[in-house]
Amino acid sequence: MIIRTIESILSGIRERVTAVGKDERGIGVVEVILILVVLIGLVVIFRDQLTSLVNSIFGRIAEDANAL
């Protein structure tokens, strides 16, 4: 009696774990997280170049605004 109850509980747990493994609804979230990790990595790698680029762009904007 107790062994059958434990077996049925374990069977239910196996079915739920299998169902979670086959569920593909969370794949979109994982893809977005991986894309963000790659983008953050690129920003960290090219931080100095990006900073100088943004500074030069804002410098040109300021010069053009003063010219008006």
N, C-alpha and C. Protein backbone atom coordinates (compact mmCIF):
# COMPACT_ATOMS: atom_id res chain seq x y z
N MET A 1 0.82 -1.18 0.00
CA MET A 1 0.00 0.00 0.00
C MET A 1 0.87 1.26 0.00
N ILE A 2 1.80 1.36 0.95
CA ILE A 2 2.68 2.53 1.04
C ILE A 2 3.62 2.57 -0.15
N ILE A 3 4.10 1.41 -0.58
CA ILE A 3 5.02 1.36 -1.72
C ILE A 3 4.30 1.83 -2.98
N ARG A 4 3.05 1.43 -3.17
CA ARG A 4 2.29 1.88 -4.35
C ARG A 4 2.06 3.38 -4.31
N THR A 5 1.81 3.93 -3.14
CA THR A 5 1.62 5.38 -3.02
C THR A 5 2.91 6.11 -3.37
N ILE A 6 4.02 5.62 -2.87
CA ILE A 6 5.32 6.24 -3.18
C ILE A 6 5.61 6.12 -4.67
N GLU A 7 5.31 4.97 -5.26
CA GLU A 7 5.52 4.79 -6.70
C GLU A 7 4.64 5.73 -7.50
N SER A 8 3.40 5.93 -7.09
CA SER A 8 2.54 6.85 -7.82
C SER A 8 3.02 8.29 -7.68
N ILE A 9 3.52 8.66 -6.52
CA ILE A 9 4.07 10.00 -6.33
C ILE A 9 5.30 10.20 -7.22
N LEU A 10 6.20 9.22 -7.22
CA LEU A 10 7.39 9.31 -8.07
C LEU A 10 7.03 9.34 -9.54
N SER A 11 6.02 8.58 -9.92
CA SER A 11 5.57 8.60 -11.31
C SER A 11 5.04 9.97 -11.69
N GLY A 12 4.27 10.58 -10.80
CA GLY A 12 3.77 11.93 -11.05
C GLY A 12 4.88 12.95 -11.18
N ILE A 13 5.90 12.81 -10.34
CA ILE A 13 7.05 13.73 -10.41
C ILE A 13 7.78 13.54 -11.72
N ARG A 14 7.97 12.29 -12.15
CA ARG A 14 8.64 12.03 -13.44
C ARG A 14 7.86 12.65 -14.59
N GLU A 15 6.54 12.51 -14.56
CA GLU A 15 5.71 13.08 -15.64
C GLU A 15 5.82 14.60 -15.67
N ARG A 16 5.83 15.22 -14.51
CA ARG A 16 5.95 16.68 -14.47
C ARG A 16 7.31 17.16 -14.95
N VAL A 17 8.36 16.46 -14.55
CA VAL A 17 9.71 16.84 -14.99
C VAL A 17 9.82 16.68 -16.50
N THR A 18 9.27 15.60 -17.04
CA THR A 18 9.28 15.38 -18.48
C THR A 18 8.49 16.47 -19.20
N ALA A 19 7.35 16.84 -18.64
CA ALA A 19 6.53 17.89 -19.26
C ALA A 19 7.27 19.23 -19.25
N VAL A 20 7.96 19.53 -18.17
CA VAL A 20 8.73 20.78 -18.10
C VAL A 20 9.87 20.75 -19.11
N GLY A 21 10.50 19.61 -19.28
CA GLY A 21 11.59 19.48 -20.24
C GLY A 21 11.13 19.66 -21.68
N LYS A 22 9.90 19.28 -21.97
CA LYS A 22 9.37 19.40 -23.33
C LYS A 22 8.71 20.75 -23.59
N ASP A 23 8.45 21.51 -22.54
CA ASP A 23 7.79 22.80 -22.68
C ASP A 23 8.76 23.79 -23.32
N GLU A 24 8.35 24.43 -24.40
CA GLU A 24 9.22 25.34 -25.14
C GLU A 24 8.82 26.80 -24.97
N ARG A 25 7.94 27.11 -24.03
CA ARG A 25 7.51 28.49 -23.85
C ARG A 25 8.63 29.37 -23.33
N GLY A 26 9.56 28.85 -22.57
CA GLY A 26 10.62 29.65 -21.98
C GLY A 26 11.81 29.87 -22.89
N ILE A 27 11.79 29.28 -24.07
CA ILE A 27 12.93 29.40 -24.97
C ILE A 27 13.12 30.84 -25.42
N GLY A 28 12.06 31.57 -25.64
CA GLY A 28 12.17 32.97 -26.04
C GLY A 28 12.89 33.79 -24.99
N VAL A 29 12.60 33.52 -23.73
CA VAL A 29 13.25 34.25 -22.65
C VAL A 29 14.74 33.93 -22.62
N VAL A 30 15.08 32.67 -22.81
CA VAL A 30 16.49 32.28 -22.81
C VAL A 30 17.22 32.95 -23.96
N GLU A 31 16.59 33.03 -25.12
CA GLU A 31 17.22 33.67 -26.27
C GLU A 31 17.46 35.15 -26.01
N VAL A 32 16.50 35.82 -25.41
CA VAL A 32 16.65 37.25 -25.11
C VAL A 32 17.78 37.45 -24.11
N ILE A 33 17.86 36.60 -23.10
CA ILE A 33 18.92 36.72 -22.11
C ILE A 33 20.28 36.51 -22.75
N LEU A 34 20.40 35.52 -23.64
CA LEU A 34 21.68 35.28 -24.31
C LEU A 34 22.08 36.45 -25.20
N ILE A 35 21.12 37.04 -25.89
CA ILE A 35 21.41 38.21 -26.73
C ILE A 35 21.89 39.36 -25.86
N LEU A 36 21.23 39.59 -24.73
CA LEU A 36 21.66 40.66 -23.82
C LEU A 36 23.07 40.41 -23.28
N VAL A 37 23.39 39.17 -22.96
CA VAL A 37 24.73 38.84 -22.47
C VAL A 37 25.78 39.15 -23.53
N VAL A 38 25.49 38.80 -24.77
CA VAL A 38 26.43 39.08 -25.86
C VAL A 38 26.59 40.59 -26.06
N LEU A 39 25.48 41.32 -26.04
CA LEU A 39 25.57 42.78 -26.21
C LEU A 39 26.34 43.43 -25.08
N ILE A 40 26.09 43.00 -23.86
CA ILE A 40 26.82 43.56 -22.72
C ILE A 40 28.31 43.23 -22.83
N GLY A 41 28.63 42.03 -23.28
CA GLY A 41 30.02 41.65 -23.49
C GLY A 41 30.69 42.53 -24.53
N LEU A 42 29.99 42.81 -25.61
CA LEU A 42 30.56 43.68 -26.65
C LEU A 42 30.78 45.10 -26.13
N VAL A 43 29.84 45.59 -25.34
CA VAL A 43 30.00 46.93 -24.77
C VAL A 43 31.20 46.96 -23.83
N VAL A 44 31.39 45.93 -23.05
CA VAL A 44 32.54 45.89 -22.13
C VAL A 44 33.84 45.82 -22.92
N ILE A 45 33.87 45.03 -23.97
CA ILE A 45 35.09 44.88 -24.76
C ILE A 45 35.45 46.19 -25.48
N PHE A 46 34.45 46.84 -26.08
CA PHE A 46 34.70 48.03 -26.88
C PHE A 46 34.30 49.31 -26.15
N ARG A 47 34.40 49.32 -24.83
CA ARG A 47 33.97 50.46 -24.02
C ARG A 47 34.71 51.74 -24.40
N ASP A 48 36.02 51.67 -24.54
CA ASP A 48 36.81 52.87 -24.83
C ASP A 48 36.45 53.44 -26.21
N GLN A 49 36.32 52.57 -27.20
CA GLN A 49 35.97 53.02 -28.54
C GLN A 49 34.58 53.63 -28.56
N LEU A 50 33.63 53.00 -27.85
CA LEU A 50 32.26 53.53 -27.81
C LEU A 50 32.22 54.88 -27.10
N THR A 51 32.99 55.01 -26.03
CA THR A 51 33.02 56.28 -25.29
C THR A 51 33.55 57.39 -26.16
N SER A 52 34.63 57.15 -26.87
CA SER A 52 35.20 58.19 -27.73
C SER A 52 34.25 58.51 -28.88
N LEU A 53 33.57 57.51 -29.42
CA LEU A 53 32.60 57.76 -30.50
C LEU A 53 31.44 58.62 -30.01
N VAL A 54 30.89 58.29 -28.86
CA VAL A 54 29.77 59.07 -28.32
C VAL A 54 30.22 60.48 -27.98
N ASN A 55 31.41 60.63 -27.42
CA ASN A 55 31.91 61.97 -27.10
C ASN A 55 32.10 62.80 -28.36
N SER A 56 32.61 62.21 -29.42
CA SER A 56 32.80 62.97 -30.66
C SER A 56 31.45 63.34 -31.28
N ILE A 57 30.49 62.46 -31.20
CA ILE A 57 29.15 62.76 -31.75
C ILE A 57 28.53 63.92 -30.98
N PHE A 58 28.59 63.86 -29.64
CA PHE A 58 28.02 64.95 -28.85
C PHE A 58 28.81 66.25 -29.04
N GLY A 59 30.11 66.14 -29.26
CA GLY A 59 30.91 67.34 -29.54
C GLY A 59 30.47 67.99 -30.83
N ARG A 60 30.23 67.20 -31.86
CA ARG A 60 29.75 67.75 -33.14
C ARG A 60 28.37 68.37 -32.98
N ILE A 61 27.51 67.74 -32.21
CA ILE A 61 26.17 68.28 -31.98
C ILE A 61 26.28 69.63 -31.28
N ALA A 62 27.15 69.72 -30.28
CA ALA A 62 27.33 70.98 -29.56
C ALA A 62 27.88 72.06 -30.48
N GLU A 63 28.86 71.72 -31.33
CA GLU A 63 29.42 72.71 -32.28
C GLU A 63 28.36 73.19 -33.25
N ASP A 64 27.55 72.24 -33.77
CA ASP A 64 26.50 72.64 -34.71
C ASP A 64 25.42 73.47 -34.02
N ALA A 65 25.14 73.18 -32.78
CA ALA A 65 24.14 73.98 -32.05
C ALA A 65 24.66 75.38 -31.79
N ASN A 66 25.96 75.51 -31.53
CA ASN A 66 26.54 76.85 -31.30
C ASN A 66 26.59 77.62 -32.61
N ALA A 67 26.71 76.95 -33.72
CA ALA A 67 26.78 77.61 -35.03
C ALA A 67 25.44 78.25 -35.40
N LEU A 68 24.37 77.71 -34.86
CA LEU A 68 23.06 78.29 -35.15
C LEU A 68 22.92 79.57 -34.38
